[in-house]
Amino acid sequence: MNYTHYDYLDLAPGASTARIEAAYAQVLQRFQFGHTDAGQDLSGLVRMIHSAYRVLSDPEARRAYDEQLAHEAALADAELKALLDAQAHRLPRYAQDVPAALRVVANQLAA
């Protein structure tokens, strides 16, 4: 799964600048020591949080980032639509479209 800068700061995409500041402080406080109790190194996560804050706190960088996200979402939607359209013609829509042998087996299993 790909995470966005909004995910790292636990924000909705339309968040205000004040909300971004508050979320950044809250998330950093959660990871202030850089390690979990289990001894896991969280420095990579903390770097991603700093990077997310840097992008989202700068209005021009945030606008460019939002445009990039919108473009990626449009590409993913188009890819999914093409995949679903390609599969739609292969699936039988009605029971009459299913081969007779499969209908017989299905009826026997249902009985």
PDB file of N, CA and C in Angstrom:
ATOM      1  N   MET A   1       0.837  -1.180   0.000  1.00  0.00           N
ATOM      2  CA  MET A   1       0.000   0.000   0.000  1.00  0.00           C
ATOM      3  C   MET A   1       0.881   1.242   0.000  1.00  0.00           C
ATOM      4  N   ASN A   2       0.517   2.185  -0.816  1.00  0.00           N
ATOM      5  CA  ASN A   2       1.252   3.440  -0.872  1.00  0.00           C
ATOM      6  C   ASN A   2       0.623   4.448   0.077  1.00  0.00           C
ATOM      7  N   TYR A   3       1.446   5.016   0.927  1.00  0.00           N
ATOM      8  CA  TYR A   3       0.965   6.030   1.856  1.00  0.00           C
ATOM      9  C   TYR A   3       1.261   7.411   1.300  1.00  0.00           C
ATOM     10  N   THR A   4       0.362   8.346   1.580  1.00  0.00           N
ATOM     11  CA  THR A   4       0.566   9.727   1.146  1.00  0.00           C
ATOM     12  C   THR A   4       1.085  10.537   2.325  1.00  0.00           C
ATOM     13  N   HIS A   5       1.498  11.767   2.043  1.00  0.00           N
ATOM     14  CA  HIS A   5       1.936  12.654   3.120  1.00  0.00           C
ATOM     15  C   HIS A   5       0.795  12.900   4.102  1.00  0.00           C
ATOM     16  N   TYR A   6      -0.418  12.923   3.606  1.00  0.00           N
ATOM     17  CA  TYR A   6      -1.575  13.117   4.479  1.00  0.00           C
ATOM     18  C   TYR A   6      -1.718  11.941   5.448  1.00  0.00           C
ATOM     19  N   ASP A   7      -1.413  10.738   4.974  1.00  0.00           N
ATOM     20  CA  ASP A   7      -1.492   9.558   5.837  1.00  0.00           C
ATOM     21  C   ASP A   7      -0.462   9.617   6.961  1.00  0.00           C
ATOM     22  N   TYR A   8       0.744  10.067   6.643  1.00  0.00           N
ATOM     23  CA  TYR A   8       1.790  10.127   7.664  1.00  0.00           C
ATOM     24  C   TYR A   8       1.438  11.100   8.785  1.00  0.00           C
ATOM     25  N   LEU A   9       0.707  12.154   8.445  1.00  0.00           N
ATOM     26  CA  LEU A   9       0.317  13.134   9.464  1.00  0.00           C
ATOM     27  C   LEU A   9      -1.109  12.912   9.953  1.00  0.00           C
ATOM     28  N   ASP A  10      -1.756  11.848   9.480  1.00  0.00           N
ATOM     29  CA  ASP A  10      -3.120  11.506   9.888  1.00  0.00           C
ATOM     30  C   ASP A  10      -4.065  12.680   9.634  1.00  0.00           C
ATOM     31  N   LEU A  11      -4.056  13.174   8.392  1.00  0.00           N
ATOM     32  CA  LEU A  11      -4.853  14.337   7.999  1.00  0.00           C
ATOM     33  C   LEU A  11      -5.743  14.013   6.809  1.00  0.00           C
ATOM     34  N   ALA A  12      -6.820  14.794   6.697  1.00  0.00           N
ATOM     35  CA  ALA A  12      -7.636  14.761   5.485  1.00  0.00           C
ATOM     36  C   ALA A  12      -6.980  15.685   4.462  1.00  0.00           C
ATOM     37  N   PRO A  13      -7.127  15.418   3.169  1.00  0.00           N
ATOM     38  CA  PRO A  13      -6.472  16.251   2.158  1.00  0.00           C
ATOM     39  C   PRO A  13      -6.816  17.740   2.204  1.00  0.00           C
ATOM     40  N   GLY A  14      -7.956  18.137   2.712  1.00  0.00           N
ATOM     41  CA  GLY A  14      -8.306  19.554   2.739  1.00  0.00           C
ATOM     42  C   GLY A  14      -7.936  20.255   4.030  1.00  0.00           C
ATOM     43  N   ALA A  15      -7.024  19.705   4.806  1.00  0.00           N
ATOM     44  CA  ALA A  15      -6.694  20.249   6.129  1.00  0.00           C
ATOM     45  C   ALA A  15      -6.082  21.643   6.033  1.00  0.00           C
ATOM     46  N   SER A  16      -6.390  22.458   7.032  1.00  0.00           N
ATOM     47  CA  SER A  16      -5.851  23.822   7.077  1.00  0.00           C
ATOM     48  C   SER A  16      -4.397  23.801   7.542  1.00  0.00           C
ATOM     49  N   THR A  17      -3.740  24.946   7.388  1.00  0.00           N
ATOM     50  CA  THR A  17      -2.343  25.064   7.807  1.00  0.00           C
ATOM     51  C   THR A  17      -2.212  24.859   9.310  1.00  0.00           C
ATOM     52  N   ALA A  18      -3.161  25.409  10.075  1.00  0.00           N
ATOM     53  CA  ALA A  18      -3.127  25.239  11.532  1.00  0.00           C
ATOM     54  C   ALA A  18      -3.289  23.770  11.909  1.00  0.00           C
ATOM     55  N   ARG A  19      -4.154  23.063  11.199  1.00  0.00           N
ATOM     56  CA  ARG A  19      -4.367  21.642  11.485  1.00  0.00           C
ATOM     57  C   ARG A  19      -3.114  20.837  11.130  1.00  0.00           C
ATOM     58  N   ILE A  20      -2.425  21.233  10.073  1.00  0.00           N
ATOM     59  CA  ILE A  20      -1.179  20.554   9.692  1.00  0.00           C
ATOM     60  C   ILE A  20      -0.132  20.730  10.784  1.00  0.00           C
ATOM     61  N   GLU A  21       0.002  21.955  11.298  1.00  0.00           N
ATOM     62  CA  GLU A  21       0.962  22.231  12.381  1.00  0.00           C
ATOM     63  C   GLU A  21       0.638  21.376  13.609  1.00  0.00           C
ATOM     64  N   ALA A  22      -0.652  21.339  13.987  1.00  0.00           N
ATOM     65  CA  ALA A  22      -1.058  20.583  15.174  1.00  0.00           C
ATOM     66  C   ALA A  22      -0.827  19.086  14.982  1.00  0.00           C
ATOM     67  N   ALA A  23      -1.164  18.577  13.803  1.00  0.00           N
ATOM     68  CA  ALA A  23      -0.976  17.148  13.535  1.00  0.00           C
ATOM     69  C   ALA A  23       0.502  16.780  13.543  1.00  0.00           C
ATOM     70  N   TYR A  24       1.337  17.653  12.988  1.00  0.00           N
ATOM     71  CA  TYR A  24       2.783  17.413  12.961  1.00  0.00           C
ATOM     72  C   TYR A  24       3.326  17.320  14.385  1.00  0.00           C
ATOM     73  N   ALA A  25       2.926  18.267  15.236  1.00  0.00           N
ATOM     74  CA  ALA A  25       3.395  18.250  16.624  1.00  0.00           C
ATOM     75  C   ALA A  25       2.909  17.000  17.348  1.00  0.00           C
ATOM     76  N   GLN A  26       1.668  16.624  17.102  1.00  0.00           N
ATOM     77  CA  GLN A  26       1.092  15.457  17.775  1.00  0.00           C
ATOM     78  C   GLN A  26       1.788  14.165  17.335  1.00  0.00           C
ATOM     79  N   VAL A  27       2.036  14.026  16.050  1.00  0.00           N
ATOM     80  CA  VAL A  27       2.685  12.812  15.545  1.00  0.00           C
ATOM     81  C   VAL A  27       4.128  12.740  16.026  1.00  0.00           C
ATOM     82  N   LEU A  28       4.825  13.869  16.014  1.00  0.00           N
ATOM     83  CA  LEU A  28       6.210  13.864  16.499  1.00  0.00           C
ATOM     84  C   LEU A  28       6.282  13.527  17.982  1.00  0.00           C
ATOM     85  N   GLN A  29       5.322  14.014  18.744  1.00  0.00           N
ATOM     86  CA  GLN A  29       5.307  13.706  20.173  1.00  0.00           C
ATOM     87  C   GLN A  29       5.138  12.201  20.386  1.00  0.00           C
ATOM     88  N   ARG A  30       4.346  11.581  19.533  1.00  0.00           N
ATOM     89  CA  ARG A  30       4.138  10.140  19.628  1.00  0.00           C
ATOM     90  C   ARG A  30       5.440   9.372  19.400  1.00  0.00           C
ATOM     91  N   PHE A  31       6.300   9.881  18.517  1.00  0.00           N
ATOM     92  CA  PHE A  31       7.542   9.193  18.165  1.00  0.00           C
ATOM     93  C   PHE A  31       8.771   9.962  18.628  1.00  0.00           C
ATOM     94  N   GLN A  32       8.674  10.689  19.723  1.00  0.00           N
ATOM     95  CA  GLN A  32       9.741  11.604  20.119  1.00  0.00           C
ATOM     96  C   GLN A  32      11.057  10.914  20.445  1.00  0.00           C
ATOM     97  N   PHE A  33      11.038   9.692  20.884  1.00  0.00           N
ATOM     98  CA  PHE A  33      12.286   9.031  21.255  1.00  0.00           C
ATOM     99  C   PHE A  33      12.911   8.278  20.092  1.00  0.00           C
ATOM    100  N   GLY A  34      12.178   8.103  19.012  1.00  0.00           N
ATOM    101  CA  GLY A  34      12.735   7.464  17.829  1.00  0.00           C
ATOM    102  C   GLY A  34      12.779   5.954  17.875  1.00  0.00           C
ATOM    103  N   HIS A  35      12.365   5.338  18.978  1.00  0.00           N
ATOM    104  CA  HIS A  35      12.341   3.878  19.092  1.00  0.00           C
ATOM    105  C   HIS A  35      11.040   3.474  19.774  1.00  0.00           C
ATOM    106  N   THR A  36      10.573   2.282  19.460  1.00  0.00           N
ATOM    107  CA  THR A  36       9.406   1.762  20.162  1.00  0.00           C
ATOM    108  C   THR A  36       9.888   1.021  21.403  1.00  0.00           C
ATOM    109  N   ASP A  37       8.947   0.585  22.207  1.00  0.00           N
ATOM    110  CA  ASP A  37       9.300  -0.198  23.391  1.00  0.00           C
ATOM    111  C   ASP A  37       9.960  -1.516  22.999  1.00  0.00           C
ATOM    112  N   ALA A  38       9.643  -1.998  21.807  1.00  0.00           N
ATOM    113  CA  ALA A  38      10.220  -3.259  21.343  1.00  0.00           C
ATOM    114  C   ALA A  38      11.610  -3.062  20.752  1.00  0.00           C
ATOM    115  N   GLY A  39      12.102  -1.827  20.730  1.00  0.00           N
ATOM    116  CA  GLY A  39      13.440  -1.563  20.230  1.00  0.00           C
ATOM    117  C   GLY A  39      13.518  -1.356  18.730  1.00  0.00           C
ATOM    118  N   GLN A  40      12.365  -1.204  18.079  1.00  0.00           N
ATOM    119  CA  GLN A  40      12.377  -0.977  16.634  1.00  0.00           C
ATOM    120  C   GLN A  40      12.849   0.441  16.343  1.00  0.00           C
ATOM    121  N   ASP A  41      13.656   0.570  15.319  1.00  0.00           N
ATOM    122  CA  ASP A  41      14.144   1.888  14.911  1.00  0.00           C
ATOM    123  C   ASP A  41      13.081   2.567  14.059  1.00  0.00           C
ATOM    124  N   LEU A  42      12.646   3.733  14.474  1.00  0.00           N
ATOM    125  CA  LEU A  42      11.609   4.464  13.756  1.00  0.00           C
ATOM    126  C   LEU A  42      12.169   5.657  12.997  1.00  0.00           C
ATOM    127  N   SER A  43      13.485   5.725  12.826  1.00  0.00           N
ATOM    128  CA  SER A  43      14.079   6.897  12.191  1.00  0.00           C
ATOM    129  C   SER A  43      13.570   7.079  10.759  1.00  0.00           C
ATOM    130  N   GLY A  44      13.326   5.996  10.044  1.00  0.00           N
ATOM    131  CA  GLY A  44      12.789   6.104   8.688  1.00  0.00           C
ATOM    132  C   GLY A  44      11.397   6.706   8.688  1.00  0.00           C
ATOM    133  N   LEU A  45      10.574   6.284   9.637  1.00  0.00           N
ATOM    134  CA  LEU A  45       9.224   6.831   9.755  1.00  0.00           C
ATOM    135  C   LEU A  45       9.268   8.301  10.137  1.00  0.00           C
ATOM    136  N   VAL A  46      10.150   8.659  11.051  1.00  0.00           N
ATOM    137  CA  VAL A  46      10.277  10.056  11.468  1.00  0.00           C
ATOM    138  C   VAL A  46      10.740  10.909  10.289  1.00  0.00           C
ATOM    139  N   ARG A  47      11.648  10.393   9.463  1.00  0.00           N
ATOM    140  CA  ARG A  47      12.073  11.127   8.263  1.00  0.00           C
ATOM    141  C   ARG A  47      10.904  11.348   7.310  1.00  0.00           C
ATOM    142  N   MET A  48      10.060  10.330   7.159  1.00  0.00           N
ATOM    143  CA  MET A  48       8.892  10.468   6.287  1.00  0.00           C
ATOM    144  C   MET A  48       7.912  11.498   6.845  1.00  0.00           C
ATOM    145  N   ILE A  49       7.774  11.550   8.162  1.00  0.00           N
ATOM    146  CA  ILE A  49       6.899  12.540   8.795  1.00  0.00           C
ATOM    147  C   ILE A  49       7.435  13.944   8.545  1.00  0.00           C
ATOM    148  N   HIS A  50       8.744  14.132   8.702  1.00  0.00           N
ATOM    149  CA  HIS A  50       9.352  15.442   8.436  1.00  0.00           C
ATOM    150  C   HIS A  50       9.166  15.836   6.973  1.00  0.00           C
ATOM    151  N   SER A  51       9.367  14.890   6.078  1.00  0.00           N
ATOM    152  CA  SER A  51       9.199  15.158   4.653  1.00  0.00           C
ATOM    153  C   SER A  51       7.754  15.544   4.343  1.00  0.00           C
ATOM    154  N   ALA A  52       6.811  14.832   4.942  1.00  0.00           N
ATOM    155  CA  ALA A  52       5.393  15.147   4.733  1.00  0.00           C
ATOM    156  C   ALA A  52       5.077  16.549   5.226  1.00  0.00           C
ATOM    157  N   TYR A  53       5.602  16.904   6.380  1.00  0.00           N
ATOM    158  CA  TYR A  53       5.352  18.244   6.919  1.00  0.00           C
ATOM    159  C   TYR A  53       5.964  19.319   6.021  1.00  0.00           C
ATOM    160  N   ARG A  54       7.175  19.074   5.544  1.00  0.00           N
ATOM    161  CA  ARG A  54       7.832  20.047   4.670  1.00  0.00           C
ATOM    162  C   ARG A  54       6.995  20.323   3.417  1.00  0.00           C
ATOM    163  N   VAL A  55       6.459  19.271   2.825  1.00  0.00           N
ATOM    164  CA  VAL A  55       5.662  19.433   1.603  1.00  0.00           C
ATOM    165  C   VAL A  55       4.320  20.091   1.906  1.00  0.00           C
ATOM    166  N   LEU A  56       3.643  19.629   2.947  1.00  0.00           N
ATOM    167  CA  LEU A  56       2.294  20.130   3.222  1.00  0.00           C
ATOM    168  C   LEU A  56       2.280  21.524   3.828  1.00  0.00           C
ATOM    169  N   SER A  57       3.360  21.940   4.462  1.00  0.00           N
ATOM    170  CA  SER A  57       3.379  23.272   5.068  1.00  0.00           C
ATOM    171  C   SER A  57       3.727  24.364   4.053  1.00  0.00           C
ATOM    172  N   ASP A  58       4.296  23.990   2.917  1.00  0.00           N
ATOM    173  CA  ASP A  58       4.615  24.952   1.858  1.00  0.00           C
ATOM    174  C   ASP A  58       3.461  24.955   0.846  1.00  0.00           C
ATOM    175  N   PRO A  59       2.740  26.081   0.705  1.00  0.00           N
ATOM    176  CA  PRO A  59       1.550  26.103  -0.171  1.00  0.00           C
ATOM    177  C   PRO A  59       1.838  25.703  -1.623  1.00  0.00           C
ATOM    178  N   GLU A  60       2.947  26.139  -2.169  1.00  0.00           N
ATOM    179  CA  GLU A  60       3.258  25.811  -3.565  1.00  0.00           C
ATOM    180  C   GLU A  60       3.589  24.321  -3.717  1.00  0.00           C
ATOM    181  N   ALA A  61       4.385  23.793  -2.793  1.00  0.00           N
ATOM    182  CA  ALA A  61       4.727  22.365  -2.841  1.00  0.00           C
ATOM    183  C   ALA A  61       3.478  21.515  -2.604  1.00  0.00           C
ATOM    184  N   ARG A  62       2.597  21.978  -1.725  1.00  0.00           N
ATOM    185  CA  ARG A  62       1.368  21.234  -1.442  1.00  0.00           C
ATOM    186  C   ARG A  62       0.463  21.207  -2.677  1.00  0.00           C
ATOM    187  N   ARG A  63       0.352  22.335  -3.375  1.00  0.00           N
ATOM    188  CA  ARG A  63      -0.472  22.387  -4.576  1.00  0.00           C
ATOM    189  C   ARG A  63       0.064  21.404  -5.622  1.00  0.00           C
ATOM    190  N   ALA A  64       1.378  21.390  -5.816  1.00  0.00           N
ATOM    191  CA  ALA A  64       1.985  20.468  -6.781  1.00  0.00           C
ATOM    192  C   ALA A  64       1.773  19.016  -6.349  1.00  0.00           C
ATOM    193  N   TYR A  65       1.899  18.754  -5.049  1.00  0.00           N
ATOM    194  CA  TYR A  65       1.705  17.397  -4.530  1.00  0.00           C
ATOM    195  C   TYR A  65       0.256  16.952  -4.724  1.00  0.00           C
ATOM    196  N   ASP A  66      -0.699  17.848  -4.449  1.00  0.00           N
ATOM    197  CA  ASP A  66      -2.109  17.512  -4.635  1.00  0.00           C
ATOM    198  C   ASP A  66      -2.422  17.230  -6.102  1.00  0.00           C
ATOM    199  N   GLU A  67      -1.817  17.997  -7.004  1.00  0.00           N
ATOM    200  CA  GLU A  67      -2.008  17.745  -8.435  1.00  0.00           C
ATOM    201  C   GLU A  67      -1.441  16.380  -8.824  1.00  0.00           C
ATOM    202  N   GLN A  68      -0.292  16.032  -8.267  1.00  0.00           N
ATOM    203  CA  GLN A  68       0.316  14.729  -8.549  1.00  0.00           C
ATOM    204  C   GLN A  68      -0.586  13.605  -8.038  1.00  0.00           C
ATOM    205  N   LEU A  69      -1.135  13.762  -6.831  1.00  0.00           N
ATOM    206  CA  LEU A  69      -2.040  12.749  -6.287  1.00  0.00           C
ATOM    207  C   LEU A  69      -3.285  12.602  -7.154  1.00  0.00           C
ATOM    208  N   ALA A  70      -3.843  13.732  -7.600  1.00  0.00           N
ATOM    209  CA  ALA A  70      -5.036  13.689  -8.445  1.00  0.00           C
ATOM    210  C   ALA A  70      -4.732  12.987  -9.767  1.00  0.00           C
ATOM    211  N   HIS A  71      -3.558  13.256 -10.331  1.00  0.00           N
ATOM    212  CA  HIS A  71      -3.164  12.619 -11.588  1.00  0.00           C
ATOM    213  C   HIS A  71      -3.000  11.109 -11.396  1.00  0.00           C
ATOM    214  N   GLU A  72      -2.340  10.703 -10.316  1.00  0.00           N
ATOM    215  CA  GLU A  72      -2.151   9.275 -10.042  1.00  0.00           C
ATOM    216  C   GLU A  72      -3.486   8.585  -9.800  1.00  0.00           C
ATOM    217  N   ALA A  73      -4.407   9.257  -9.112  1.00  0.00           N
ATOM    218  CA  ALA A  73      -5.727   8.682  -8.864  1.00  0.00           C
ATOM    219  C   ALA A  73      -6.495   8.515 -10.170  1.00  0.00           C
ATOM    220  N   ALA A  74      -6.393   9.492 -11.064  1.00  0.00           N
ATOM    221  CA  ALA A  74      -7.073   9.392 -12.356  1.00  0.00           C
ATOM    222  C   ALA A  74      -6.508   8.237 -13.178  1.00  0.00           C
ATOM    223  N   LEU A  75      -5.190   8.057 -13.147  1.00  0.00           N
ATOM    224  CA  LEU A  75      -4.575   6.938 -13.871  1.00  0.00           C
ATOM    225  C   LEU A  75      -5.019   5.597 -13.291  1.00  0.00           C
ATOM    226  N   ALA A  76      -5.069   5.506 -11.964  1.00  0.00           N
ATOM    227  CA  ALA A  76      -5.495   4.261 -11.321  1.00  0.00           C
ATOM    228  C   ALA A  76      -6.959   3.964 -11.637  1.00  0.00           C
ATOM    229  N   ASP A  77      -7.804   5.000 -11.648  1.00  0.00           N
ATOM    230  CA  ASP A  77      -9.212   4.802 -11.989  1.00  0.00           C
ATOM    231  C   ASP A  77      -9.368   4.316 -13.426  1.00  0.00           C
ATOM    232  N   ALA A  78      -8.609   4.915 -14.333  1.00  0.00           N
ATOM    233  CA  ALA A  78      -8.683   4.506 -15.737  1.00  0.00           C
ATOM    234  C   ALA A  78      -8.208   3.064 -15.911  1.00  0.00           C
ATOM    235  N   GLU A  79      -7.154   2.698 -15.188  1.00  0.00           N
ATOM    236  CA  GLU A  79      -6.637   1.327 -15.272  1.00  0.00           C
ATOM    237  C   GLU A  79      -7.661   0.330 -14.735  1.00  0.00           C
ATOM    238  N   LEU A  80      -8.290   0.661 -13.608  1.00  0.00           N
ATOM    239  CA  LEU A  80      -9.298  -0.224 -13.026  1.00  0.00           C
ATOM    240  C   LEU A  80     -10.508  -0.341 -13.947  1.00  0.00           C
ATOM    241  N   LYS A  81     -10.947   0.763 -14.519  1.00  0.00           N
ATOM    242  CA  LYS A  81     -12.087   0.735 -15.436  1.00  0.00           C
ATOM    243  C   LYS A  81     -11.777  -0.140 -16.643  1.00  0.00           C
ATOM    244  N   ALA A  82     -10.583  -0.008 -17.200  1.00  0.00           N
ATOM    245  CA  ALA A  82     -10.203  -0.830 -18.349  1.00  0.00           C
ATOM    246  C   ALA A  82     -10.177  -2.310 -17.976  1.00  0.00           C
ATOM    247  N   LEU A  83      -9.671  -2.617 -16.790  1.00  0.00           N
ATOM    248  CA  LEU A  83      -9.622  -4.004 -16.335  1.00  0.00           C
ATOM    249  C   LEU A  83     -11.023  -4.572 -16.153  1.00  0.00           C
ATOM    250  N   LEU A  84     -11.906  -3.807 -15.516  1.00  0.00           N
ATOM    251  CA  LEU A  84     -13.273  -4.275 -15.298  1.00  0.00           C
ATOM    252  C   LEU A  84     -14.038  -4.404 -16.611  1.00  0.00           C
ATOM    253  N   ASP A  85     -13.818  -3.470 -17.530  1.00  0.00           N
ATOM    254  CA  ASP A  85     -14.477  -3.555 -18.832  1.00  0.00           C
ATOM    255  C   ASP A  85     -13.995  -4.771 -19.611  1.00  0.00           C
ATOM    256  N   ALA A  86     -12.715  -5.110 -19.483  1.00  0.00           N
ATOM    257  CA  ALA A  86     -12.170  -6.269 -20.189  1.00  0.00           C
ATOM    258  C   ALA A  86     -12.734  -7.570 -19.628  1.00  0.00           C
ATOM    259  N   GLN A  87     -13.007  -7.604 -18.337  1.00  0.00           N
ATOM    260  CA  GLN A  87     -13.527  -8.820 -17.719  1.00  0.00           C
ATOM    261  C   GLN A  87     -15.029  -8.959 -17.899  1.00  0.00           C
ATOM    262  N   ALA A  88     -15.722  -7.870 -18.134  1.00  0.00           N
ATOM    263  CA  ALA A  88     -17.179  -7.897 -18.175  1.00  0.00           C
ATOM    264  C   ALA A  88     -17.711  -8.789 -19.292  1.00  0.00           C
ATOM    265  N   HIS A  89     -17.067  -8.792 -20.436  1.00  0.00           N
ATOM    266  CA  HIS A  89     -17.586  -9.586 -21.550  1.00  0.00           C
ATOM    267  C   HIS A  89     -17.320 -11.079 -21.384  1.00  0.00           C
ATOM    268  N   ARG A  90     -16.438 -11.451 -20.483  1.00  0.00           N
ATOM    269  CA  ARG A  90     -16.116 -12.865 -20.295  1.00  0.00           C
ATOM    270  C   ARG A  90     -17.033 -13.551 -19.293  1.00  0.00           C
ATOM    271  N   LEU A  91     -17.683 -12.788 -18.442  1.00  0.00           N
ATOM    272  CA  LEU A  91     -18.522 -13.383 -17.414  1.00  0.00           C
ATOM    273  C   LEU A  91     -19.955 -13.525 -17.922  1.00  0.00           C
ATOM    274  N   PRO A  92     -20.575 -14.686 -17.732  1.00  0.00           N
ATOM    275  CA  PRO A  92     -21.966 -14.832 -18.166  1.00  0.00           C
ATOM    276  C   PRO A  92     -22.880 -13.963 -17.300  1.00  0.00           C
ATOM    277  N   ARG A  93     -23.828 -13.311 -17.951  1.00  0.00           N
ATOM    278  CA  ARG A  93     -24.726 -12.414 -17.227  1.00  0.00           C
ATOM    279  C   ARG A  93     -25.997 -13.130 -16.787  1.00  0.00           C
ATOM    280  N   TYR A  94     -26.441 -14.112 -17.516  1.00  0.00           N
ATOM    281  CA  TYR A  94     -27.693 -14.791 -17.216  1.00  0.00           C
ATOM    282  C   TYR A  94     -27.430 -16.287 -17.094  1.00  0.00           C
ATOM    283  N   ALA A  95     -28.325 -16.977 -16.395  1.00  0.00           N
ATOM    284  CA  ALA A  95     -28.165 -18.421 -16.222  1.00  0.00           C
ATOM    285  C   ALA A  95     -28.174 -19.136 -17.569  1.00  0.00           C
ATOM    286  N   GLN A  96     -28.918 -18.582 -18.540  1.00  0.00           N
ATOM    287  CA  GLN A  96     -28.982 -19.207 -19.855  1.00  0.00           C
ATOM    288  C   GLN A  96     -27.638 -19.128 -20.582  1.00  0.00           C
ATOM    289  N   ASP A  97     -26.789 -18.184 -20.191  1.00  0.00           N
ATOM    290  CA  ASP A  97     -25.485 -18.029 -20.838  1.00  0.00           C
ATOM    291  C   ASP A  97     -24.453 -19.030 -20.326  1.00  0.00           C
ATOM    292  N   VAL A  98     -24.745 -19.667 -19.205  1.00  0.00           N
ATOM    293  CA  VAL A  98     -23.829 -20.648 -18.625  1.00  0.00           C
ATOM    294  C   VAL A  98     -23.959 -21.947 -19.423  1.00  0.00           C
ATOM    295  N   PRO A  99     -22.851 -22.611 -19.728  1.00  0.00           N
ATOM    296  CA  PRO A  99     -22.930 -23.879 -20.470  1.00  0.00           C
ATOM    297  C   PRO A  99     -23.850 -24.880 -19.769  1.00  0.00           C
ATOM    298  N   ALA A 100     -24.530 -25.693 -20.564  1.00  0.00           N
ATOM    299  CA  ALA A 100     -25.530 -26.630 -20.049  1.00  0.00           C
ATOM    300  C   ALA A 100     -24.939 -27.586 -19.021  1.00  0.00           C
ATOM    301  N   ALA A 101     -23.725 -28.056 -19.257  1.00  0.00           N
ATOM    302  CA  ALA A 101     -23.111 -29.004 -18.319  1.00  0.00           C
ATOM    303  C   ALA A 101     -22.927 -28.373 -16.942  1.00  0.00           C
ATOM    304  N   LEU A 102     -22.548 -27.112 -16.905  1.00  0.00           N
ATOM    305  CA  LEU A 102     -22.384 -26.437 -15.618  1.00  0.00           C
ATOM    306  C   LEU A 102     -23.720 -26.207 -14.930  1.00  0.00           C
ATOM    307  N   ARG A 103     -24.773 -25.938 -15.710  1.00  0.00           N
ATOM    308  CA  ARG A 103     -26.104 -25.759 -15.117  1.00  0.00           C
ATOM    309  C   ARG A 103     -26.577 -27.048 -14.469  1.00  0.00           C
ATOM    310  N   VAL A 104     -26.316 -28.180 -15.126  1.00  0.00           N
ATOM    311  CA  VAL A 104     -26.722 -29.477 -14.579  1.00  0.00           C
ATOM    312  C   VAL A 104     -26.006 -29.726 -13.260  1.00  0.00           C
ATOM    313  N   VAL A 105     -24.707 -29.481 -13.225  1.00  0.00           N
ATOM    314  CA  VAL A 105     -23.923 -29.693 -12.005  1.00  0.00           C
ATOM    315  C   VAL A 105     -24.400 -28.757 -10.906  1.00  0.00           C
ATOM    316  N   ALA A 106     -24.646 -27.506 -11.235  1.00  0.00           N
ATOM    317  CA  ALA A 106     -25.108 -26.541 -10.235  1.00  0.00           C
ATOM    318  C   ALA A 106     -26.461 -26.948  -9.677  1.00  0.00           C
ATOM    319  N   ASN A 107     -27.350 -27.434 -10.525  1.00  0.00           N
ATOM    320  CA  ASN A 107     -28.666 -27.881 -10.057  1.00  0.00           C
ATOM    321  C   ASN A 107     -28.543 -29.100  -9.153  1.00  0.00           C
ATOM    322  N   GLN A 108     -27.621 -30.006  -9.481  1.00  0.00           N
ATOM    323  CA  GLN A 108     -27.426 -31.188  -8.645  1.00  0.00           C
ATOM    324  C   GLN A 108     -26.857 -30.799  -7.285  1.00  0.00           C
ATOM    325  N   LEU A 109     -25.935 -29.840  -7.271  1.00  0.00           N
ATOM    326  CA  LEU A 109     -25.366 -29.395  -6.003  1.00  0.00           C
ATOM    327  C   LEU A 109     -26.395 -28.652  -5.160  1.00  0.00           C
ATOM    328  N   ALA A 110     -27.279 -27.929  -5.800  1.00  0.00           N
ATOM    329  CA  ALA A 110     -28.287 -27.158  -5.080  1.00  0.00           C
ATOM    330  C   ALA A 110     -29.359 -28.059  -4.488  1.00  0.00           C
ATOM    331  N   ALA A 111     -29.559 -29.232  -5.060  1.00  0.00           N
ATOM    332  CA  ALA A 111     -30.628 -30.121  -4.591  1.00  0.00           C
ATOM    333  C   ALA A 111     -30.267 -30.861  -3.343  1.00  0.00           C
TER     334      ALA A 111
END
